[in-house]
Amino acid sequence: MHMILDALWRAVTDCLRGRVMAWSLFPLLLVAGMAALVGVFWWDAAAASVQAWLEAASWLQWLWGWMGQGTAAASAVAAAVLLVLVISPVMVMVALAIVAVVMTPQMVALVAERRFPQLQRK
């Protein structure tokens, strides 16, 4: 149990290092920038397409008829929510891929340098 707590303590202290925090923020900033670009260039067209699809869906006609005059506003909100629900997992997967490519080799090098300097790297 002592070895597990020691490893946990070392991992926590390594996570609080400036380099590690910077490497952790890089994927977040990159994905936030990509989300902003997607929002600026494609959001309106994508939202309009999804809204048109929702309004034309035969299985939703009873809902639009029940709502009456509020159909345009309701379908616009539903389209925006649907887009966010579809795009969010994609952004998370892209962030994880960036972490795997950028941060993992840096963390392996940091741990090897600080904890296992005597090991030969292959």
PDB file of N, CA and C in Angstrom:
ATOM      1  N   MET A   1       0.815  -1.188   0.000  1.00  0.00           N
ATOM      2  CA  MET A   1       0.000   0.000   0.000  1.00  0.00           C
ATOM      3  C   MET A   1       0.863   1.258   0.000  1.00  0.00           C
ATOM      4  N   HIS A   2       1.996   1.155   0.679  1.00  0.00           N
ATOM      5  CA  HIS A   2       2.899   2.304   0.752  1.00  0.00           C
ATOM      6  C   HIS A   2       3.416   2.672  -0.649  1.00  0.00           C
ATOM      7  N   MET A   3       3.707   1.670  -1.473  1.00  0.00           N
ATOM      8  CA  MET A   3       4.215   1.943  -2.812  1.00  0.00           C
ATOM      9  C   MET A   3       3.142   2.624  -3.682  1.00  0.00           C
ATOM     10  N   ILE A   4       1.890   2.245  -3.498  1.00  0.00           N
ATOM     11  CA  ILE A   4       0.811   2.853  -4.265  1.00  0.00           C
ATOM     12  C   ILE A   4       0.651   4.318  -3.875  1.00  0.00           C
ATOM     13  N   LEU A   5       0.667   4.596  -2.585  1.00  0.00           N
ATOM     14  CA  LEU A   5       0.556   5.984  -2.128  1.00  0.00           C
ATOM     15  C   LEU A   5       1.756   6.813  -2.568  1.00  0.00           C
ATOM     16  N   ASP A   6       2.934   6.205  -2.576  1.00  0.00           N
ATOM     17  CA  ASP A   6       4.129   6.914  -3.040  1.00  0.00           C
ATOM     18  C   ASP A   6       4.009   7.242  -4.526  1.00  0.00           C
ATOM     19  N   ALA A   7       3.544   6.288  -5.314  1.00  0.00           N
ATOM     20  CA  ALA A   7       3.360   6.534  -6.749  1.00  0.00           C
ATOM     21  C   ALA A   7       2.295   7.603  -6.985  1.00  0.00           C
ATOM     22  N   LEU A   8       1.229   7.580  -6.197  1.00  0.00           N
ATOM     23  CA  LEU A   8       0.184   8.596  -6.317  1.00  0.00           C
ATOM     24  C   LEU A   8       0.735   9.975  -5.982  1.00  0.00           C
ATOM     25  N   TRP A   9       1.496  10.080  -4.910  1.00  0.00           N
ATOM     26  CA  TRP A   9       2.086  11.353  -4.514  1.00  0.00           C
ATOM     27  C   TRP A   9       3.030  11.888  -5.595  1.00  0.00           C
ATOM     28  N   ARG A  10       3.844  11.006  -6.159  1.00  0.00           N
ATOM     29  CA  ARG A  10       4.758  11.434  -7.226  1.00  0.00           C
ATOM     30  C   ARG A  10       3.987  11.888  -8.466  1.00  0.00           C
ATOM     31  N   ALA A  11       2.915  11.195  -8.803  1.00  0.00           N
ATOM     32  CA  ALA A  11       2.113  11.581  -9.969  1.00  0.00           C
ATOM     33  C   ALA A  11       1.463  12.941  -9.752  1.00  0.00           C
ATOM     34  N   VAL A  12       0.964  13.180  -8.545  1.00  0.00           N
ATOM     35  CA  VAL A  12       0.336  14.473  -8.251  1.00  0.00           C
ATOM     36  C   VAL A  12       1.360  15.592  -8.332  1.00  0.00           C
ATOM     37  N   THR A  13       2.538  15.388  -7.775  1.00  0.00           N
ATOM     38  CA  THR A  13       3.562  16.440  -7.829  1.00  0.00           C
ATOM     39  C   THR A  13       4.028  16.684  -9.264  1.00  0.00           C
ATOM     40  N   ASP A  14       4.113  15.637 -10.065  1.00  0.00           N
ATOM     41  CA  ASP A  14       4.492  15.827 -11.464  1.00  0.00           C
ATOM     42  C   ASP A  14       3.411  16.583 -12.233  1.00  0.00           C
ATOM     43  N   CYS A  15       2.149  16.336 -11.898  1.00  0.00           N
ATOM     44  CA  CYS A  15       1.054  17.031 -12.593  1.00  0.00           C
ATOM     45  C   CYS A  15       1.022  18.521 -12.263  1.00  0.00           C
ATOM     46  N   LEU A  16       1.595  18.922 -11.154  1.00  0.00           N
ATOM     47  CA  LEU A  16       1.597  20.329 -10.764  1.00  0.00           C
ATOM     48  C   LEU A  16       2.799  21.098 -11.301  1.00  0.00           C
ATOM     49  N   ARG A  17       3.640  20.463 -12.070  1.00  0.00           N
ATOM     50  CA  ARG A  17       4.782  21.152 -12.675  1.00  0.00           C
ATOM     51  C   ARG A  17       4.296  22.061 -13.803  1.00  0.00           C
ATOM     52  N   GLY A  18       4.998  23.140 -14.023  1.00  0.00           N
ATOM     53  CA  GLY A  18       4.628  24.107 -15.046  1.00  0.00           C
ATOM     54  C   GLY A  18       4.610  23.526 -16.442  1.00  0.00           C
ATOM     55  N   ARG A  19       5.629  22.712 -16.765  1.00  0.00           N
ATOM     56  CA  ARG A  19       5.680  22.122 -18.112  1.00  0.00           C
ATOM     57  C   ARG A  19       4.493  21.200 -18.357  1.00  0.00           C
ATOM     58  N   VAL A  20       4.149  20.419 -17.351  1.00  0.00           N
ATOM     59  CA  VAL A  20       3.040  19.476 -17.506  1.00  0.00           C
ATOM     60  C   VAL A  20       1.726  20.235 -17.657  1.00  0.00           C
ATOM     61  N   MET A  21       1.553  21.303 -16.889  1.00  0.00           N
ATOM     62  CA  MET A  21       0.326  22.100 -17.023  1.00  0.00           C
ATOM     63  C   MET A  21       0.240  22.750 -18.406  1.00  0.00           C
ATOM     64  N   ALA A  22       1.371  23.216 -18.907  1.00  0.00           N
ATOM     65  CA  ALA A  22       1.378  23.814 -20.250  1.00  0.00           C
ATOM     66  C   ALA A  22       1.044  22.757 -21.302  1.00  0.00           C
ATOM     67  N   TRP A  23       1.612  21.565 -21.179  1.00  0.00           N
ATOM     68  CA  TRP A  23       1.298  20.501 -22.125  1.00  0.00           C
ATOM     69  C   TRP A  23      -0.173  20.105 -22.023  1.00  0.00           C
ATOM     70  N   SER A  24      -0.748  20.198 -20.833  1.00  0.00           N
ATOM     71  CA  SER A  24      -2.156  19.861 -20.648  1.00  0.00           C
ATOM     72  C   SER A  24      -3.072  20.916 -21.263  1.00  0.00           C
ATOM     73  N   LEU A  25      -2.658  22.164 -21.228  1.00  0.00           N
ATOM     74  CA  LEU A  25      -3.490  23.238 -21.774  1.00  0.00           C
ATOM     75  C   LEU A  25      -3.408  23.323 -23.292  1.00  0.00           C
ATOM     76  N   PHE A  26      -2.315  22.864 -23.872  1.00  0.00           N
ATOM     77  CA  PHE A  26      -2.153  22.955 -25.323  1.00  0.00           C
ATOM     78  C   PHE A  26      -3.279  22.270 -26.093  1.00  0.00           C
ATOM     79  N   PRO A  27      -3.634  21.013 -25.796  1.00  0.00           N
ATOM     80  CA  PRO A  27      -4.737  20.383 -26.537  1.00  0.00           C
ATOM     81  C   PRO A  27      -6.062  21.109 -26.327  1.00  0.00           C
ATOM     82  N   LEU A  28      -6.289  21.593 -25.106  1.00  0.00           N
ATOM     83  CA  LEU A  28      -7.521  22.312 -24.831  1.00  0.00           C
ATOM     84  C   LEU A  28      -7.610  23.588 -25.665  1.00  0.00           C
ATOM     85  N   LEU A  29      -6.531  24.337 -25.709  1.00  0.00           N
ATOM     86  CA  LEU A  29      -6.524  25.570 -26.502  1.00  0.00           C
ATOM     87  C   LEU A  29      -6.654  25.283 -27.996  1.00  0.00           C
ATOM     88  N   LEU A  30      -6.005  24.225 -28.455  1.00  0.00           N
ATOM     89  CA  LEU A  30      -6.095  23.866 -29.867  1.00  0.00           C
ATOM     90  C   LEU A  30      -7.524  23.467 -30.250  1.00  0.00           C
ATOM     91  N   VAL A  31      -8.166  22.674 -29.425  1.00  0.00           N
ATOM     92  CA  VAL A  31      -9.545  22.253 -29.712  1.00  0.00           C
ATOM     93  C   VAL A  31     -10.496  23.439 -29.579  1.00  0.00           C
ATOM     94  N   ALA A  32     -10.260  24.333 -28.626  1.00  0.00           N
ATOM     95  CA  ALA A  32     -11.100  25.535 -28.504  1.00  0.00           C
ATOM     96  C   ALA A  32     -10.967  26.408 -29.753  1.00  0.00           C
ATOM     97  N   GLY A  33      -9.761  26.530 -30.273  1.00  0.00           N
ATOM     98  CA  GLY A  33      -9.569  27.275 -31.514  1.00  0.00           C
ATOM     99  C   GLY A  33     -10.266  26.617 -32.687  1.00  0.00           C
ATOM    100  N   MET A  34     -10.187  25.295 -32.754  1.00  0.00           N
ATOM    101  CA  MET A  34     -10.883  24.571 -33.827  1.00  0.00           C
ATOM    102  C   MET A  34     -12.394  24.742 -33.700  1.00  0.00           C
ATOM    103  N   ALA A  35     -12.904  24.702 -32.469  1.00  0.00           N
ATOM    104  CA  ALA A  35     -14.340  24.895 -32.258  1.00  0.00           C
ATOM    105  C   ALA A  35     -14.763  26.297 -32.680  1.00  0.00           C
ATOM    106  N   ALA A  36     -13.926  27.273 -32.386  1.00  0.00           N
ATOM    107  CA  ALA A  36     -14.243  28.641 -32.800  1.00  0.00           C
ATOM    108  C   ALA A  36     -14.266  28.760 -34.321  1.00  0.00           C
ATOM    109  N   LEU A  37     -13.307  28.128 -34.980  1.00  0.00           N
ATOM    110  CA  LEU A  37     -13.293  28.160 -36.450  1.00  0.00           C
ATOM    111  C   LEU A  37     -14.510  27.461 -37.034  1.00  0.00           C
ATOM    112  N   VAL A  38     -14.864  26.332 -36.472  1.00  0.00           N
ATOM    113  CA  VAL A  38     -16.059  25.624 -36.939  1.00  0.00           C
ATOM    114  C   VAL A  38     -17.292  26.495 -36.715  1.00  0.00           C
ATOM    115  N   GLY A  39     -17.357  27.138 -35.567  1.00  0.00           N
ATOM    116  CA  GLY A  39     -18.492  27.998 -35.274  1.00  0.00           C
ATOM    117  C   GLY A  39     -18.597  29.183 -36.211  1.00  0.00           C
ATOM    118  N   VAL A  40     -17.465  29.783 -36.525  1.00  0.00           N
ATOM    119  CA  VAL A  40     -17.478  30.965 -37.386  1.00  0.00           C
ATOM    120  C   VAL A  40     -17.835  30.602 -38.824  1.00  0.00           C
ATOM    121  N   PHE A  41     -17.242  29.549 -39.336  1.00  0.00           N
ATOM    122  CA  PHE A  41     -17.394  29.251 -40.759  1.00  0.00           C
ATOM    123  C   PHE A  41     -18.556  28.321 -41.100  1.00  0.00           C
ATOM    124  N   TRP A  42     -18.928  27.386 -40.222  1.00  0.00           N
ATOM    125  CA  TRP A  42     -19.898  26.369 -40.603  1.00  0.00           C
ATOM    126  C   TRP A  42     -21.141  26.294 -39.739  1.00  0.00           C
ATOM    127  N   TRP A  43     -21.224  27.032 -38.644  1.00  0.00           N
ATOM    128  CA  TRP A  43     -22.349  26.862 -37.731  1.00  0.00           C
ATOM    129  C   TRP A  43     -23.684  27.214 -38.382  1.00  0.00           C
ATOM    130  N   ASP A  44     -23.757  28.366 -39.026  1.00  0.00           N
ATOM    131  CA  ASP A  44     -25.039  28.802 -39.605  1.00  0.00           C
ATOM    132  C   ASP A  44     -25.549  27.828 -40.653  1.00  0.00           C
ATOM    133  N   ALA A  45     -24.672  27.390 -41.536  1.00  0.00           N
ATOM    134  CA  ALA A  45     -25.083  26.456 -42.587  1.00  0.00           C
ATOM    135  C   ALA A  45     -25.488  25.114 -41.987  1.00  0.00           C
ATOM    136  N   ALA A  46     -24.722  24.636 -41.010  1.00  0.00           N
ATOM    137  CA  ALA A  46     -25.048  23.350 -40.393  1.00  0.00           C
ATOM    138  C   ALA A  46     -26.352  23.439 -39.614  1.00  0.00           C
ATOM    139  N   ALA A  47     -26.546  24.520 -38.876  1.00  0.00           N
ATOM    140  CA  ALA A  47     -27.782  24.680 -38.105  1.00  0.00           C
ATOM    141  C   ALA A  47     -28.987  24.791 -39.038  1.00  0.00           C
ATOM    142  N   ALA A  48     -28.844  25.519 -40.138  1.00  0.00           N
ATOM    143  CA  ALA A  48     -29.949  25.633 -41.095  1.00  0.00           C
ATOM    144  C   ALA A  48     -30.267  24.283 -41.729  1.00  0.00           C
ATOM    145  N   SER A  49     -29.250  23.501 -42.040  1.00  0.00           N
ATOM    146  CA  SER A  49     -29.479  22.170 -42.629  1.00  0.00           C
ATOM    147  C   SER A  49     -30.188  21.243 -41.653  1.00  0.00           C
ATOM    148  N   VAL A  50     -29.730  21.240 -40.410  1.00  0.00           N
ATOM    149  CA  VAL A  50     -30.358  20.372 -39.406  1.00  0.00           C
ATOM    150  C   VAL A  50     -31.779  20.846 -39.128  1.00  0.00           C
ATOM    151  N   GLN A  51     -31.988  22.150 -39.074  1.00  0.00           N
ATOM    152  CA  GLN A  51     -33.335  22.675 -38.849  1.00  0.00           C
ATOM    153  C   GLN A  51     -34.269  22.282 -39.990  1.00  0.00           C
ATOM    154  N   ALA A  52     -33.809  22.385 -41.227  1.00  0.00           N
ATOM    155  CA  ALA A  52     -34.628  21.982 -42.370  1.00  0.00           C
ATOM    156  C   ALA A  52     -34.930  20.492 -42.309  1.00  0.00           C
ATOM    157  N   TRP A  53     -33.948  19.694 -41.898  1.00  0.00           N
ATOM    158  CA  TRP A  53     -34.161  18.253 -41.783  1.00  0.00           C
ATOM    159  C   TRP A  53     -35.192  17.948 -40.693  1.00  0.00           C
ATOM    160  N   LEU A  54     -35.105  18.660 -39.568  1.00  0.00           N
ATOM    161  CA  LEU A  54     -36.060  18.429 -38.480  1.00  0.00           C
ATOM    162  C   LEU A  54     -37.474  18.839 -38.888  1.00  0.00           C
ATOM    163  N   GLU A  55     -37.589  19.953 -39.593  1.00  0.00           N
ATOM    164  CA  GLU A  55     -38.920  20.410 -40.007  1.00  0.00           C
ATOM    165  C   GLU A  55     -39.526  19.511 -41.075  1.00  0.00           C
ATOM    166  N   ALA A  56     -38.687  18.855 -41.871  1.00  0.00           N
ATOM    167  CA  ALA A  56     -39.181  17.979 -42.932  1.00  0.00           C
ATOM    168  C   ALA A  56     -39.390  16.542 -42.471  1.00  0.00           C
ATOM    169  N   ALA A  57     -38.910  16.198 -41.290  1.00  0.00           N
ATOM    170  CA  ALA A  57     -39.020  14.821 -40.804  1.00  0.00           C
ATOM    171  C   ALA A  57     -40.484  14.469 -40.562  1.00  0.00           C
ATOM    172  N   SER A  58     -40.926  13.406 -41.199  1.00  0.00           N
ATOM    173  CA  SER A  58     -42.337  13.021 -41.096  1.00  0.00           C
ATOM    174  C   SER A  58     -42.691  12.559 -39.678  1.00  0.00           C
ATOM    175  N   TRP A  59     -41.764  11.967 -38.988  1.00  0.00           N
ATOM    176  CA  TRP A  59     -42.044  11.472 -37.653  1.00  0.00           C
ATOM    177  C   TRP A  59     -42.114  12.599 -36.619  1.00  0.00           C
ATOM    178  N   LEU A  60     -41.744  13.843 -36.989  1.00  0.00           N
ATOM    179  CA  LEU A  60     -41.859  14.983 -36.081  1.00  0.00           C
ATOM    180  C   LEU A  60     -43.004  15.922 -36.445  1.00  0.00           C
ATOM    181  N   GLN A  61     -43.759  15.602 -37.495  1.00  0.00           N
ATOM    182  CA  GLN A  61     -44.831  16.489 -37.930  1.00  0.00           C
ATOM    183  C   GLN A  61     -45.908  16.682 -36.858  1.00  0.00           C
ATOM    184  N   TRP A  62     -46.191  15.643 -36.093  1.00  0.00           N
ATOM    185  CA  TRP A  62     -47.178  15.784 -35.022  1.00  0.00           C
ATOM    186  C   TRP A  62     -46.720  16.789 -33.983  1.00  0.00           C
ATOM    187  N   LEU A  63     -45.391  16.827 -33.698  1.00  0.00           N
ATOM    188  CA  LEU A  63     -44.857  17.780 -32.725  1.00  0.00           C
ATOM    189  C   LEU A  63     -44.949  19.212 -33.251  1.00  0.00           C
ATOM    190  N   TRP A  64     -44.577  19.406 -34.502  1.00  0.00           N
ATOM    191  CA  TRP A  64     -44.634  20.756 -35.074  1.00  0.00           C
ATOM    192  C   TRP A  64     -46.088  21.234 -35.169  1.00  0.00           C
ATOM    193  N   GLY A  65     -47.003  20.349 -35.493  1.00  0.00           N
ATOM    194  CA  GLY A  65     -48.421  20.714 -35.538  1.00  0.00           C
ATOM    195  C   GLY A  65     -48.960  21.061 -34.160  1.00  0.00           C
ATOM    196  N   TRP A  66     -48.540  20.352 -33.163  1.00  0.00           N
ATOM    197  CA  TRP A  66     -48.980  20.603 -31.794  1.00  0.00           C
ATOM    198  C   TRP A  66     -48.454  21.941 -31.291  1.00  0.00           C
ATOM    199  N   MET A  67     -47.227  22.312 -31.711  1.00  0.00           N
ATOM    200  CA  MET A  67     -46.618  23.553 -31.251  1.00  0.00           C
ATOM    201  C   MET A  67     -47.179  24.772 -31.967  1.00  0.00           C
ATOM    202  N   GLY A  68     -47.709  24.601 -33.151  1.00  0.00           N
ATOM    203  CA  GLY A  68     -48.333  25.713 -33.870  1.00  0.00           C
ATOM    204  C   GLY A  68     -47.324  26.733 -34.378  1.00  0.00           C
ATOM    205  N   GLN A  69     -47.455  27.979 -33.957  1.00  0.00           N
ATOM    206  CA  GLN A  69     -46.635  29.073 -34.486  1.00  0.00           C
ATOM    207  C   GLN A  69     -45.195  29.027 -33.976  1.00  0.00           C
ATOM    208  N   GLY A  70     -44.907  28.339 -32.925  1.00  0.00           N
ATOM    209  CA  GLY A  70     -43.548  28.301 -32.366  1.00  0.00           C
ATOM    210  C   GLY A  70     -42.639  27.287 -33.023  1.00  0.00           C
ATOM    211  N   THR A  71     -43.038  26.762 -34.160  1.00  0.00           N
ATOM    212  CA  THR A  71     -42.268  25.711 -34.828  1.00  0.00           C
ATOM    213  C   THR A  71     -40.875  26.177 -35.218  1.00  0.00           C
ATOM    214  N   ALA A  72     -40.752  27.357 -35.785  1.00  0.00           N
ATOM    215  CA  ALA A  72     -39.441  27.826 -36.255  1.00  0.00           C
ATOM    216  C   ALA A  72     -38.472  27.988 -35.092  1.00  0.00           C
ATOM    217  N   ALA A  73     -38.936  28.581 -34.005  1.00  0.00           N
ATOM    218  CA  ALA A  73     -38.051  28.778 -32.856  1.00  0.00           C
ATOM    219  C   ALA A  73     -37.693  27.442 -32.208  1.00  0.00           C
ATOM    220  N   ALA A  74     -38.668  26.561 -32.084  1.00  0.00           N
ATOM    221  CA  ALA A  74     -38.406  25.263 -31.459  1.00  0.00           C
ATOM    222  C   ALA A  74     -37.477  24.415 -32.310  1.00  0.00           C
ATOM    223  N   SER A  75     -37.671  24.438 -33.607  1.00  0.00           N
ATOM    224  CA  SER A  75     -36.786  23.630 -34.458  1.00  0.00           C
ATOM    225  C   SER A  75     -35.390  24.234 -34.513  1.00  0.00           C
ATOM    226  N   ALA A  76     -35.263  25.545 -34.392  1.00  0.00           N
ATOM    227  CA  ALA A  76     -33.935  26.174 -34.367  1.00  0.00           C
ATOM    228  C   ALA A  76     -33.186  25.781 -33.093  1.00  0.00           C
ATOM    229  N   VAL A  77     -33.892  25.785 -31.972  1.00  0.00           N
ATOM    230  CA  VAL A  77     -33.265  25.379 -30.708  1.00  0.00           C
ATOM    231  C   VAL A  77     -32.909  23.895 -30.751  1.00  0.00           C
ATOM    232  N   ALA A  78     -33.819  23.079 -31.253  1.00  0.00           N
ATOM    233  CA  ALA A  78     -33.543  21.641 -31.348  1.00  0.00           C
ATOM    234  C   ALA A  78     -32.362  21.374 -32.274  1.00  0.00           C
ATOM    235  N   ALA A  79     -32.252  22.135 -33.359  1.00  0.00           N
ATOM    236  CA  ALA A  79     -31.132  21.964 -34.287  1.00  0.00           C
ATOM    237  C   ALA A  79     -29.817  22.335 -33.612  1.00  0.00           C
ATOM    238  N   ALA A  80     -29.808  23.425 -32.861  1.00  0.00           N
ATOM    239  CA  ALA A  80     -28.585  23.839 -32.167  1.00  0.00           C
ATOM    240  C   ALA A  80     -28.172  22.811 -31.121  1.00  0.00           C
ATOM    241  N   VAL A  81     -29.129  22.313 -30.363  1.00  0.00           N
ATOM    242  CA  VAL A  81     -28.827  21.304 -29.340  1.00  0.00           C
ATOM    243  C   VAL A  81     -28.312  20.025 -29.993  1.00  0.00           C
ATOM    244  N   LEU A  82     -28.944  19.615 -31.072  1.00  0.00           N
ATOM    245  CA  LEU A  82     -28.511  18.410 -31.777  1.00  0.00           C
ATOM    246  C   LEU A  82     -27.096  18.564 -32.326  1.00  0.00           C
ATOM    247  N   LEU A  83     -26.787  19.731 -32.867  1.00  0.00           N
ATOM    248  CA  LEU A  83     -25.429  19.976 -33.372  1.00  0.00           C
ATOM    249  C   LEU A  83     -24.398  19.914 -32.250  1.00  0.00           C
ATOM    250  N   VAL A  84     -24.717  20.520 -31.121  1.00  0.00           N
ATOM    251  CA  VAL A  84     -23.785  20.488 -29.986  1.00  0.00           C
ATOM    252  C   VAL A  84     -23.580  19.058 -29.507  1.00  0.00           C
ATOM    253  N   LEU A  85     -24.657  18.282 -29.460  1.00  0.00           N
ATOM    254  CA  LEU A  85     -24.542  16.888 -29.022  1.00  0.00           C
ATOM    255  C   LEU A  85     -23.738  16.031 -29.988  1.00  0.00           C
ATOM    256  N   VAL A  86     -23.734  16.390 -31.260  1.00  0.00           N
ATOM    257  CA  VAL A  86     -22.962  15.630 -32.251  1.00  0.00           C
ATOM    258  C   VAL A  86     -21.510  16.099 -32.290  1.00  0.00           C
ATOM    259  N   ILE A  87     -21.289  17.397 -32.195  1.00  0.00           N
ATOM    260  CA  ILE A  87     -19.939  17.941 -32.346  1.00  0.00           C
ATOM    261  C   ILE A  87     -19.084  17.745 -31.090  1.00  0.00           C
ATOM    262  N   SER A  88     -19.704  17.776 -29.917  1.00  0.00           N
ATOM    263  CA  SER A  88     -18.933  17.665 -28.670  1.00  0.00           C
ATOM    264  C   SER A  88     -18.109  16.382 -28.571  1.00  0.00           C
ATOM    265  N   PRO A  89     -18.674  15.205 -28.822  1.00  0.00           N
ATOM    266  CA  PRO A  89     -17.842  14.002 -28.751  1.00  0.00           C
ATOM    267  C   PRO A  89     -16.711  13.996 -29.783  1.00  0.00           C
ATOM    268  N   VAL A  90     -16.961  14.580 -30.932  1.00  0.00           N
ATOM    269  CA  VAL A  90     -15.904  14.661 -31.948  1.00  0.00           C
ATOM    270  C   VAL A  90     -14.750  15.519 -31.434  1.00  0.00           C
ATOM    271  N   MET A  91     -15.085  16.642 -30.820  1.00  0.00           N
ATOM    272  CA  MET A  91     -14.046  17.520 -30.270  1.00  0.00           C
ATOM    273  C   MET A  91     -13.274  16.833 -29.140  1.00  0.00           C
ATOM    274  N   VAL A  92     -13.972  16.084 -28.314  1.00  0.00           N
ATOM    275  CA  VAL A  92     -13.294  15.362 -27.231  1.00  0.00           C
ATOM    276  C   VAL A  92     -12.339  14.321 -27.804  1.00  0.00           C
ATOM    277  N   MET A  93     -12.760  13.613 -28.842  1.00  0.00           N
ATOM    278  CA  MET A  93     -11.891  12.603 -29.457  1.00  0.00           C
ATOM    279  C   MET A  93     -10.669  13.250 -30.105  1.00  0.00           C
ATOM    280  N   VAL A  94     -10.856  14.411 -30.722  1.00  0.00           N
ATOM    281  CA  VAL A  94      -9.722  15.126 -31.306  1.00  0.00           C
ATOM    282  C   VAL A  94      -8.764  15.569 -30.209  1.00  0.00           C
ATOM    283  N   ALA A  95      -9.292  16.061 -29.097  1.00  0.00           N
ATOM    284  CA  ALA A  95      -8.436  16.469 -27.969  1.00  0.00           C
ATOM    285  C   ALA A  95      -7.654  15.274 -27.425  1.00  0.00           C
ATOM    286  N   LEU A  96      -8.304  14.127 -27.304  1.00  0.00           N
ATOM    287  CA  LEU A  96      -7.604  12.932 -26.828  1.00  0.00           C
ATOM    288  C   LEU A  96      -6.513  12.493 -27.800  1.00  0.00           C
ATOM    289  N   ALA A  97      -6.779  12.600 -29.087  1.00  0.00           N
ATOM    290  CA  ALA A  97      -5.757  12.253 -30.073  1.00  0.00           C
ATOM    291  C   ALA A  97      -4.575  13.211 -29.995  1.00  0.00           C
ATOM    292  N   ILE A  98      -4.849  14.493 -29.791  1.00  0.00           N
ATOM    293  CA  ILE A  98      -3.765  15.466 -29.658  1.00  0.00           C
ATOM    294  C   ILE A  98      -2.955  15.190 -28.400  1.00  0.00           C
ATOM    295  N   VAL A  99      -3.623  14.839 -27.320  1.00  0.00           N
ATOM    296  CA  VAL A  99      -2.912  14.491 -26.082  1.00  0.00           C
ATOM    297  C   VAL A  99      -2.032  13.269 -26.314  1.00  0.00           C
ATOM    298  N   ALA A 100      -2.554  12.282 -27.017  1.00  0.00           N
ATOM    299  CA  ALA A 100      -1.778  11.070 -27.266  1.00  0.00           C
ATOM    300  C   ALA A 100      -0.538  11.356 -28.100  1.00  0.00           C
ATOM    301  N   VAL A 101      -0.665  12.262 -29.051  1.00  0.00           N
ATOM    302  CA  VAL A 101       0.458  12.554 -29.947  1.00  0.00           C
ATOM    303  C   VAL A 101       1.455  13.519 -29.323  1.00  0.00           C
ATOM    304  N   VAL A 102       0.960  14.537 -28.619  1.00  0.00           N
ATOM    305  CA  VAL A 102       1.825  15.604 -28.125  1.00  0.00           C
ATOM    306  C   VAL A 102       2.278  15.369 -26.689  1.00  0.00           C
ATOM    307  N   MET A 103       1.335  15.087 -25.803  1.00  0.00           N
ATOM    308  CA  MET A 103       1.655  15.082 -24.378  1.00  0.00           C
ATOM    309  C   MET A 103       2.270  13.775 -23.892  1.00  0.00           C
ATOM    310  N   THR A 104       1.836  12.659 -24.414  1.00  0.00           N
ATOM    311  CA  THR A 104       2.328  11.374 -23.910  1.00  0.00           C
ATOM    312  C   THR A 104       3.835  11.210 -24.069  1.00  0.00           C
ATOM    313  N   PRO A 105       4.430  11.500 -25.224  1.00  0.00           N
ATOM    314  CA  PRO A 105       5.888  11.373 -25.311  1.00  0.00           C
ATOM    315  C   PRO A 105       6.623  12.319 -24.354  1.00  0.00           C
ATOM    316  N   GLN A 106       6.083  13.504 -24.152  1.00  0.00           N
ATOM    317  CA  GLN A 106       6.701  14.449 -23.229  1.00  0.00           C
ATOM    318  C   GLN A 106       6.628  13.939 -21.790  1.00  0.00           C
ATOM    319  N   MET A 107       5.505  13.353 -21.422  1.00  0.00           N
ATOM    320  CA  MET A 107       5.360  12.816 -20.066  1.00  0.00           C
ATOM    321  C   MET A 107       6.261  11.608 -19.847  1.00  0.00           C
ATOM    322  N   VAL A 108       6.380  10.763 -20.846  1.00  0.00           N
ATOM    323  CA  VAL A 108       7.275   9.611 -20.731  1.00  0.00           C
ATOM    324  C   VAL A 108       8.710  10.088 -20.546  1.00  0.00           C
ATOM    325  N   ALA A 109       9.113  11.103 -21.302  1.00  0.00           N
ATOM    326  CA  ALA A 109      10.460  11.646 -21.162  1.00  0.00           C
ATOM    327  C   ALA A 109      10.665  12.268 -19.783  1.00  0.00           C
ATOM    328  N   LEU A 110       9.668  12.975 -19.267  1.00  0.00           N
ATOM    329  CA  LEU A 110       9.776  13.588 -17.945  1.00  0.00           C
ATOM    330  C   LEU A 110       9.917  12.540 -16.853  1.00  0.00           C
ATOM    331  N   VAL A 111       9.079  11.513 -16.903  1.00  0.00           N
ATOM    332  CA  VAL A 111       9.141  10.457 -15.885  1.00  0.00           C
ATOM    333  C   VAL A 111      10.460   9.692 -15.991  1.00  0.00           C
ATOM    334  N   ALA A 112      10.900   9.413 -17.205  1.00  0.00           N
ATOM    335  CA  ALA A 112      12.171   8.701 -17.377  1.00  0.00           C
ATOM    336  C   ALA A 112      13.333   9.538 -16.870  1.00  0.00           C
ATOM    337  N   GLU A 113      13.291  10.829 -17.108  1.00  0.00           N
ATOM    338  CA  GLU A 113      14.369  11.727 -16.672  1.00  0.00           C
ATOM    339  C   GLU A 113      14.391  11.890 -15.156  1.00  0.00           C
ATOM    340  N   ARG A 114      13.218  12.041 -14.540  1.00  0.00           N
ATOM    341  CA  ARG A 114      13.162  12.325 -13.111  1.00  0.00           C
ATOM    342  C   ARG A 114      13.200  11.075 -12.240  1.00  0.00           C
ATOM    343  N   ARG A 115      12.536  10.012 -12.654  1.00  0.00           N
ATOM    344  CA  ARG A 115      12.378   8.843 -11.777  1.00  0.00           C
ATOM    345  C   ARG A 115      13.316   7.685 -12.117  1.00  0.00           C
ATOM    346  N   PHE A 116      13.689   7.563 -13.382  1.00  0.00           N
ATOM    347  CA  PHE A 116      14.498   6.419 -13.818  1.00  0.00           C
ATOM    348  C   PHE A 116      15.663   6.861 -14.687  1.00  0.00           C
ATOM    349  N   PRO A 117      16.539   7.714 -14.184  1.00  0.00           N
ATOM    350  CA  PRO A 117      17.631   8.199 -15.019  1.00  0.00           C
ATOM    351  C   PRO A 117      18.656   7.112 -15.371  1.00  0.00           C
ATOM    352  N   GLN A 118      18.714   6.062 -14.578  1.00  0.00           N
ATOM    353  CA  GLN A 118      19.714   5.023 -14.807  1.00  0.00           C
ATOM    354  C   GLN A 118      19.296   4.039 -15.889  1.00  0.00           C
ATOM    355  N   LEU A 119      18.044   4.033 -16.302  1.00  0.00           N
ATOM    356  CA  LEU A 119      17.578   3.093 -17.322  1.00  0.00           C
ATOM    357  C   LEU A 119      18.003   3.535 -18.695  1.00  0.00           C
ATOM    358  N   GLN A 120      18.376   2.564 -19.514  1.00  0.00           N
ATOM    359  CA  GLN A 120      18.746   2.847 -20.891  1.00  0.00           C
ATOM    360  C   GLN A 120      17.473   2.964 -21.710  1.00  0.00           C
ATOM    361  N   ARG A 121      17.405   4.001 -22.538  1.00  0.00           N
ATOM    362  CA  ARG A 121      16.208   4.228 -23.351  1.00  0.00           C
ATOM    363  C   ARG A 121      16.377   3.495 -24.681  1.00  0.00           C
ATOM    364  N   LYS A 122      15.349   2.766 -25.067  1.00  0.00           N
ATOM    365  CA  LYS A 122      15.387   2.010 -26.319  1.00  0.00           C
ATOM    366  C   LYS A 122      14.209   2.374 -27.154  1.00  0.00           C
TER     367      LYS A 122
END
